[in-house]
Amino acid sequence: MPINNELKLNIEPMDTIHNEFEIILQEMKNTRNTTRFMELFVQMIEHTKHHFKTEEDIMNAYNFYDKKEHFDEHDNLLSEMQYFYEKAQRLPMFGKSYINEYAYDKFKRHIINIDSQLAMFLKNSNYKG
């Protein structure tokens, strides 16, 4: 499943990792099995850690001017994800609600409002990938 075109940044590593996240999120939305849902939740958190480290490594390598705000946003998103995972361990429907009602919108806003700045900066910095 390719990433939603409105979210494509045309920076290969970012688009690839965003696409992978979307696939995990879609599978989480589609599963009816609670055990599988919780396994995917762990996978989503681990993927997100890798996702954010990849972006942060790029920002550090290219000395991105707004990396503190971006890093802070990553910390907030990951903390929120882990909070909902912990709640879902006791009440899986709580986690399902987070995934079905909130996670994609948060992901989309992050790409449009935060990652797009980094992508534009990289394009202007002759980023080679």
Protein backbone atom coordinates (compact mmCIF):
# COMPACT_ATOMS: atom_id res chain seq x y z
CA MET A 1 0.00 0.00 0.00
CA PRO A 2 1.72 3.21 -1.11
CA ILE A 3 1.64 6.24 1.11
CA ASN A 4 -1.20 8.67 0.64
CA ASN A 5 0.02 11.07 -2.09
CA GLU A 6 -0.79 14.15 -0.03
CA LEU A 7 1.72 12.90 2.56
CA LYS A 8 4.53 12.10 0.15
CA LEU A 9 7.59 14.28 0.77
CA ASN A 10 9.80 13.01 -2.07
CA ILE A 11 12.62 12.25 0.35
CA GLU A 12 13.08 8.50 -0.10
CA PRO A 13 13.98 7.37 3.43
CA MET A 14 11.19 9.46 4.94
CA ASP A 15 8.56 8.31 2.43
CA THR A 16 9.60 4.68 2.88
CA ILE A 17 9.39 4.77 6.65
CA HIS A 18 6.09 6.67 6.58
CA ASN A 19 4.69 4.07 4.21
CA GLU A 20 5.78 1.27 6.54
CA PHE A 21 4.06 3.01 9.44
CA GLU A 22 0.85 3.36 7.43
CA ILE A 23 0.90 -0.36 6.65
CA ILE A 24 1.26 -1.27 10.34
CA LEU A 25 -1.49 1.17 11.30
CA GLN A 26 -3.84 -0.23 8.65
CA GLU A 27 -3.22 -3.77 9.83
CA MET A 28 -3.97 -2.67 13.39
CA LYS A 29 -7.25 -1.14 12.27
CA ASN A 30 -8.22 -4.28 10.39
CA THR A 31 -7.38 -6.94 12.97
CA ARG A 32 -10.12 -8.29 15.21
CA ASN A 33 -7.71 -10.42 17.22
CA THR A 34 -6.68 -8.73 20.49
CA THR A 35 -3.41 -10.63 20.78
CA ARG A 36 -2.43 -9.68 17.23
CA PHE A 37 -3.49 -6.08 17.86
CA MET A 38 -1.19 -5.86 20.89
CA GLU A 39 1.69 -7.46 18.94
CA LEU A 40 1.19 -4.86 16.23
CA PHE A 41 1.08 -2.11 18.85
CA VAL A 42 4.56 -3.17 20.04
CA GLN A 43 5.70 -3.33 16.41
CA MET A 44 4.33 0.18 15.82
CA ILE A 45 6.22 1.55 18.83
CA GLU A 46 9.48 -0.13 17.77
CA HIS A 47 9.01 1.08 14.20
CA THR A 48 8.34 4.60 15.46
CA LYS A 49 11.55 4.57 17.51
CA HIS A 50 13.48 3.56 14.39
CA HIS A 51 11.53 6.09 12.30
CA PHE A 52 12.37 8.94 14.64
CA LYS A 53 16.03 7.93 14.98
CA THR A 54 16.35 7.87 11.19
CA GLU A 55 14.95 11.39 10.90
CA GLU A 56 17.01 12.64 13.84
CA ASP A 57 20.21 11.23 12.32
CA ILE A 58 19.40 13.06 9.07
CA MET A 59 18.70 16.30 10.97
CA ASN A 60 21.99 16.02 12.84
CA ALA A 61 23.97 15.18 9.70
CA TYR A 62 22.53 18.18 7.83
CA ASN A 63 22.42 20.51 10.86
CA PHE A 64 18.69 21.14 10.49
CA TYR A 65 17.88 24.58 11.91
CA ASP A 66 14.70 23.49 13.75
CA LYS A 67 15.76 20.13 15.06
CA LYS A 68 14.99 20.85 18.73
CA GLU A 69 11.29 21.39 17.97
CA HIS A 70 11.26 18.30 15.77
CA PHE A 71 13.02 16.17 18.42
CA ASP A 72 10.57 17.44 21.06
CA GLU A 73 7.64 16.49 18.82
CA HIS A 74 9.12 13.01 18.41
CA ASP A 75 9.46 12.64 22.18
CA ASN A 76 5.84 13.72 22.69
CA LEU A 77 4.45 11.41 20.03
CA LEU A 78 6.39 8.41 21.28
CA SER A 79 5.42 9.08 24.91
CA GLU A 80 1.79 9.35 23.90
CA MET A 81 1.99 6.10 21.92
CA GLN A 82 3.55 4.29 24.86
CA TYR A 83 0.90 5.71 27.21
CA PHE A 84 -1.90 4.33 25.03
CA TYR A 85 -0.13 0.99 24.74
CA GLU A 86 0.09 0.70 28.53
CA LYS A 87 -3.61 1.54 28.83
CA ALA A 88 -4.45 -0.96 26.08
CA GLN A 89 -2.72 -3.75 28.00
CA ARG A 90 -5.46 -3.46 30.62
CA LEU A 91 -8.27 -2.39 28.30
CA PRO A 92 -7.62 -3.30 24.64
CA MET A 93 -10.59 -1.23 23.44
CA PHE A 94 -8.84 1.86 24.77
CA GLY A 95 -5.93 1.14 22.42
CA LYS A 96 -8.29 0.34 19.54
CA SER A 97 -9.97 3.69 20.03
CA TYR A 98 -6.60 5.47 19.92
CA ILE A 99 -5.67 3.68 16.68
CA ASN A 100 -9.05 4.04 15.00
CA GLU A 101 -9.92 7.58 16.05
CA TYR A 102 -6.66 9.40 16.58
CA ALA A 103 -3.34 7.86 15.49
CA TYR A 104 -3.63 8.42 11.73
CA ASP A 105 -4.66 12.07 12.16
CA LYS A 106 -1.72 12.65 14.49
CA PHE A 107 0.61 10.94 11.98
CA LYS A 108 -0.78 13.02 9.12
CA ARG A 109 -0.46 16.32 11.04
CA HIS A 110 3.12 15.46 11.97
CA ILE A 111 4.08 14.90 8.34
CA ILE A 112 2.29 18.00 7.05
CA ASN A 113 3.33 20.39 9.83
CA ILE A 114 6.73 19.08 10.93
CA ASP A 115 8.29 16.62 8.49
CA SER A 116 7.49 18.79 5.48
CA GLN A 117 9.78 21.52 6.89
CA LEU A 118 12.61 19.02 7.12
CA ALA A 119 11.93 17.72 3.60
CA MET A 120 12.01 21.24 2.16
CA PHE A 121 15.22 22.00 4.03
CA LEU A 122 16.82 18.80 2.70
CA LYS A 123 15.79 19.56 -0.87
CA ASN A 124 17.33 23.03 -0.55
CA SER A 125 20.47 21.45 0.96
CA ASN A 126 20.93 19.12 -2.04
CA TYR A 127 20.18 16.05 0.07
CA LYS A 128 21.39 12.89 -1.67
CA GLY A 129 19.80 10.26 0.59
